[in-house]
Amino acid sequence: MIPQFLKSMVESRATRAGRLFDGFIQTLIVLSLVAFSLETVDTFEPWVYRWLHIFELGCIAVFTLEYVLRIAVAEKKLAYIFSFFGLVDLLSILPFYLSQSLHHLQTIRSLRLIRLLRLVKLARYNRALHHLTEALKLAREELILFWTATIVLMYLAAVGIYYFEHEAQPDVFRSVFDSLWWAVATLTTVGYGDVYPITAGGRLFTFFILMLGLGVVSVPTGILASAMTTVRARESKNPLTKELLLKDE
């Protein structure tokens, strides 16, 4: 039987213990990310890296304990384990345990990058970030539809520019796959300038793709803004929603 004090501390901010617990975890997440960044500096003395490693071990211990506690206090344990935040909590500590059994250096380095998911953990504790995650869930169907259409549009743009520019620039637009880089840079309105059309048809085609690219940037912004407005309206109408939003999925 899990003590009520422990359950309220882990799942709620309504108590002083819960707020302290949340504040401690948030601080540790930020410090662990700072430590991760410091590890990439190659000019420190060896003792600095040893202390950074010790600090990382401490973070792993705390995050592991937090994960175990959240499973223990969850009413529906499997629901938490397979929830968004449950998977984030697991992935934020999993690289360390996997690296203990893997000895290939490049594999370990790749796994260490997964630690950056700790940044996502902050969304559980920060009200504004939690609003964002709720908005993403609310607008997920519209966003999936939009990004699917964007991928299709990107492919069509790559095919189009390939047929316009392949003969004029066979070394640049060698295939549709090479043209995808141009499509990404153009649709996102970045325009690096490393690959560009030189034919009249290619330039006219680029103009229309750039116009569509403006929508690629603006449409998801509008969708998220609308969803966040809905989330805030729900919260203002129902005072209990604040507390519910802060609990795990």
Protein backbone atom coordinates (compact mmCIF):
# COMPACT_ATOMS: atom_id res chain seq x y z
CA MET A 1 0.00 0.00 0.00
CA ILE A 2 1.51 3.33 -1.13
CA PRO A 3 1.37 6.04 1.58
CA GLN A 4 -0.94 8.93 0.65
CA PHE A 5 1.83 11.42 1.43
CA LEU A 6 4.10 9.81 -1.17
CA LYS A 7 1.32 9.66 -3.74
CA SER A 8 0.38 13.33 -3.31
CA MET A 9 4.04 14.38 -3.39
CA VAL A 10 4.68 12.65 -6.72
CA GLU A 11 1.38 13.36 -8.49
CA SER A 12 0.20 16.73 -7.16
CA ARG A 13 1.44 20.27 -6.72
CA ALA A 14 -1.28 21.04 -4.21
CA THR A 15 1.03 20.22 -1.29
CA ARG A 16 4.30 21.83 -0.25
CA ALA A 17 6.07 18.49 -0.60
CA GLY A 18 4.73 18.12 -4.14
CA ARG A 19 5.96 21.57 -5.16
CA LEU A 20 9.39 20.90 -3.64
CA PHE A 21 9.58 17.55 -5.41
CA ASP A 22 8.67 19.13 -8.74
CA GLY A 23 11.13 21.99 -8.23
CA PHE A 24 13.93 19.59 -7.36
CA ILE A 25 13.34 17.43 -10.43
CA GLN A 26 13.12 20.47 -12.72
CA THR A 27 16.39 21.86 -11.36
CA LEU A 28 18.09 18.50 -11.76
CA ILE A 29 16.89 18.20 -15.36
CA VAL A 30 18.36 21.60 -16.25
CA LEU A 31 21.64 20.88 -14.45
CA SER A 32 21.96 17.49 -16.14
CA LEU A 33 21.58 19.14 -19.55
CA VAL A 34 24.21 21.73 -18.61
CA ALA A 35 26.52 18.89 -17.55
CA PHE A 36 25.84 17.12 -20.84
CA SER A 37 26.94 20.26 -22.71
CA LEU A 38 30.06 20.67 -20.56
CA GLU A 39 31.11 17.10 -21.40
CA THR A 40 31.57 18.17 -25.02
CA VAL A 41 34.25 20.71 -24.06
CA ASP A 42 37.68 19.13 -24.53
CA THR A 43 39.79 21.73 -22.69
CA PHE A 44 38.91 20.88 -19.09
CA GLU A 45 41.20 19.10 -16.67
CA PRO A 46 40.55 15.34 -16.24
CA TRP A 47 39.11 15.84 -12.74
CA VAL A 48 36.30 17.98 -14.20
CA TYR A 49 35.14 15.11 -16.39
CA ARG A 50 35.29 12.75 -13.43
CA TRP A 51 32.99 15.03 -11.42
CA LEU A 52 30.66 15.43 -14.38
CA HIS A 53 30.46 11.65 -14.62
CA ILE A 54 29.73 11.36 -10.90
CA PHE A 55 27.01 14.01 -11.25
CA GLU A 56 25.49 12.08 -14.16
CA LEU A 57 25.41 8.93 -12.02
CA GLY A 58 23.58 10.89 -9.33
CA CYS A 59 21.06 12.17 -11.87
CA ILE A 60 20.47 8.67 -13.18
CA ALA A 61 19.84 7.45 -9.63
CA VAL A 62 17.30 10.21 -8.94
CA PHE A 63 15.50 9.87 -12.28
CA THR A 64 15.36 6.10 -11.86
CA LEU A 65 13.88 6.50 -8.39
CA GLU A 66 11.37 9.02 -9.76
CA TYR A 67 10.36 6.57 -12.52
CA VAL A 68 9.89 3.74 -10.04
CA LEU A 69 7.88 5.99 -7.70
CA ARG A 70 5.59 7.11 -10.51
CA ILE A 71 4.89 3.50 -11.44
CA ALA A 72 4.26 2.66 -7.79
CA VAL A 73 1.77 5.48 -7.17
CA ALA A 74 -0.03 5.21 -10.52
CA GLU A 75 -3.52 3.74 -10.26
CA LYS A 76 -3.19 2.31 -13.76
CA LYS A 77 0.44 1.31 -13.95
CA LEU A 78 0.49 0.06 -17.54
CA ALA A 79 -1.32 3.21 -18.67
CA TYR A 80 1.47 5.31 -17.15
CA ILE A 81 4.29 3.10 -18.48
CA PHE A 82 3.01 3.40 -22.05
CA SER A 83 1.88 7.03 -21.77
CA PHE A 84 3.84 9.84 -23.43
CA PHE A 85 5.51 11.01 -20.22
CA GLY A 86 6.04 7.44 -19.06
CA LEU A 87 8.01 6.65 -22.19
CA VAL A 88 9.95 9.93 -21.88
CA ASP A 89 10.85 9.08 -18.27
CA LEU A 90 12.07 5.66 -19.36
CA LEU A 91 14.05 6.89 -22.37
CA SER A 92 15.77 9.57 -20.28
CA ILE A 93 17.48 6.88 -18.18
CA LEU A 94 17.60 3.94 -20.61
CA PRO A 95 20.79 4.98 -22.47
CA PHE A 96 22.83 4.72 -19.28
CA TYR A 97 21.73 1.17 -18.53
CA LEU A 98 22.13 0.07 -22.15
CA SER A 99 25.62 1.55 -22.33
CA GLN A 100 26.67 -0.67 -19.44
CA SER A 101 26.16 -3.72 -21.63
CA LEU A 102 27.34 -2.23 -24.91
CA HIS A 103 31.02 -1.69 -25.54
CA HIS A 104 31.08 -0.19 -29.03
CA LEU A 105 32.14 3.43 -28.52
CA GLN A 106 30.09 4.90 -31.38
CA THR A 107 26.96 3.08 -30.19
CA ILE A 108 27.39 4.48 -26.67
CA ARG A 109 27.86 8.01 -28.02
CA SER A 110 24.67 7.70 -30.07
CA LEU A 111 22.73 6.45 -27.06
CA ARG A 112 23.93 9.39 -24.98
CA LEU A 113 22.05 11.74 -27.29
CA ILE A 114 18.77 10.25 -26.07
CA ARG A 115 19.47 11.94 -22.73
CA LEU A 116 18.28 15.14 -24.38
CA LEU A 117 14.76 13.78 -23.92
CA ARG A 118 15.08 14.97 -20.33
CA LEU A 119 14.25 18.38 -21.72
CA VAL A 120 10.81 17.02 -22.63
CA LYS A 121 10.33 15.99 -19.00
CA LEU A 122 10.10 19.67 -18.11
CA ALA A 123 6.74 19.79 -19.90
CA ARG A 124 5.24 17.79 -17.04
CA TYR A 125 6.20 20.41 -14.47
CA ASN A 126 5.91 23.65 -16.42
CA ARG A 127 2.36 24.88 -16.86
CA ALA A 128 3.04 26.71 -20.13
CA LEU A 129 4.82 23.71 -21.63
CA HIS A 130 2.01 21.47 -20.47
CA HIS A 131 -0.44 23.72 -22.29
CA LEU A 132 1.65 23.18 -25.40
CA THR A 133 1.57 19.38 -25.06
CA GLU A 134 -2.19 19.48 -24.51
CA ALA A 135 -2.56 21.68 -27.59
CA LEU A 136 -0.45 19.25 -29.64
CA LYS A 137 -2.66 16.36 -28.54
CA LEU A 138 -5.81 18.35 -29.28
CA ALA A 139 -4.63 19.27 -32.78
CA ARG A 140 -2.80 16.03 -33.57
CA GLU A 141 -5.18 14.95 -36.35
CA GLU A 142 -4.94 18.32 -38.11
CA LEU A 143 -1.17 18.36 -37.71
CA ILE A 144 -0.80 14.80 -39.01
CA LEU A 145 -2.96 15.70 -42.01
CA PHE A 146 -0.93 18.85 -42.62
CA TRP A 147 2.47 17.16 -42.37
CA THR A 148 1.29 14.32 -44.61
CA ALA A 149 0.23 16.88 -47.22
CA THR A 150 3.57 18.67 -46.76
CA ILE A 151 5.54 15.48 -47.40
CA VAL A 152 3.49 14.80 -50.55
CA LEU A 153 4.04 18.41 -51.67
CA MET A 154 7.76 18.13 -50.99
CA TYR A 155 7.99 15.01 -53.14
CA LEU A 156 6.02 16.63 -55.97
CA ALA A 157 8.29 19.70 -55.76
CA ALA A 158 11.37 17.47 -56.02
CA VAL A 159 9.94 15.67 -59.04
CA GLY A 160 8.97 18.96 -60.70
CA ILE A 161 12.33 20.68 -60.28
CA TYR A 162 14.07 17.49 -61.44
CA TYR A 163 12.28 17.57 -64.78
CA PHE A 164 12.86 21.31 -65.17
CA GLU A 165 16.55 21.37 -64.23
CA HIS A 166 18.00 17.89 -64.81
CA GLU A 167 19.12 18.55 -68.39
CA ALA A 168 20.52 22.00 -67.57
CA GLN A 169 22.26 20.91 -64.35
CA PRO A 170 22.79 17.12 -64.48
CA ASP A 171 25.45 17.23 -61.77
CA VAL A 172 23.23 19.13 -59.30
CA PHE A 173 19.81 17.64 -59.97
CA ARG A 174 21.02 14.12 -60.67
CA SER A 175 17.88 12.39 -59.39
CA VAL A 176 14.64 13.04 -57.54
CA PHE A 177 16.44 12.17 -54.31
CA ASP A 178 19.07 14.87 -54.93
CA SER A 179 16.24 17.29 -55.73
CA LEU A 180 14.62 16.64 -52.35
CA TRP A 181 17.25 18.82 -50.68
CA TRP A 182 16.22 21.74 -52.89
CA ALA A 183 12.55 21.00 -52.11
CA VAL A 184 13.18 21.07 -48.35
CA ALA A 185 15.18 24.32 -48.48
CA THR A 186 12.61 25.99 -50.74
CA LEU A 187 9.41 24.85 -49.04
CA THR A 188 10.72 25.93 -45.66
CA THR A 189 11.69 29.29 -47.24
CA VAL A 190 15.27 28.86 -45.98
CA GLY A 191 16.85 29.11 -49.42
CA TYR A 192 20.49 28.25 -48.72
CA GLY A 193 21.43 29.12 -52.29
CA ASP A 194 23.70 26.09 -52.72
CA VAL A 195 21.22 24.53 -55.19
CA TYR A 196 19.09 26.76 -57.38
CA PRO A 197 17.35 26.68 -60.78
CA ILE A 198 18.82 28.38 -63.85
CA THR A 199 16.12 27.69 -66.47
CA ALA A 200 13.08 29.93 -66.94
CA GLY A 201 10.71 27.06 -66.24
CA GLY A 202 12.61 26.07 -63.12
CA ARG A 203 12.56 29.62 -61.79
CA LEU A 204 8.83 30.00 -62.42
CA PHE A 205 8.23 26.65 -60.74
CA THR A 206 10.37 27.80 -57.80
CA PHE A 207 8.21 30.92 -57.45
CA PHE A 208 5.06 28.83 -56.98
CA ILE A 209 6.81 26.49 -54.54
CA LEU A 210 7.99 29.49 -52.50
CA MET A 211 4.40 30.76 -52.29
CA LEU A 212 3.31 27.35 -51.03
CA GLY A 213 6.25 27.39 -48.62
CA LEU A 214 4.79 30.41 -46.83
CA GLY A 215 1.80 28.24 -45.97
CA VAL A 216 4.07 25.45 -44.76
CA VAL A 217 5.45 27.86 -42.15
CA SER A 218 2.21 29.61 -41.17
CA VAL A 219 -0.43 26.86 -41.14
CA PRO A 220 0.89 24.79 -38.17
CA THR A 221 1.36 28.02 -36.21
CA GLY A 222 -2.31 28.85 -36.67
CA ILE A 223 -3.39 25.31 -35.78
CA LEU A 224 -1.37 25.34 -32.55
CA ALA A 225 -2.51 28.83 -31.61
CA SER A 226 -6.15 27.78 -31.99
CA ALA A 227 -5.59 24.60 -29.98
CA MET A 228 -3.83 26.48 -27.15
CA THR A 229 -6.72 28.95 -26.99
CA THR A 230 -9.08 26.00 -26.60
CA VAL A 231 -6.93 24.49 -23.83
CA ARG A 232 -6.87 27.77 -21.90
CA ALA A 233 -10.63 28.17 -22.32
CA ARG A 234 -11.21 24.68 -20.93
CA GLU A 235 -8.97 25.43 -17.96
CA SER A 236 -10.73 28.71 -17.15
CA LYS A 237 -14.17 27.07 -17.28
CA ASN A 238 -13.20 24.16 -15.05
CA PRO A 239 -10.94 24.95 -12.05
CA LEU A 240 -10.23 21.24 -11.60
CA THR A 241 -8.62 21.12 -15.04
CA LYS A 242 -5.48 22.84 -13.70
CA GLU A 243 -4.84 19.99 -11.33
CA LEU A 244 -5.79 17.35 -13.89
CA LEU A 245 -3.43 18.79 -16.49
CA LEU A 246 -0.54 18.47 -14.10
CA LYS A 247 -1.10 14.78 -13.46
CA ASP A 248 0.48 12.09 -15.60
CA GLU A 249 -1.39 10.72 -18.51
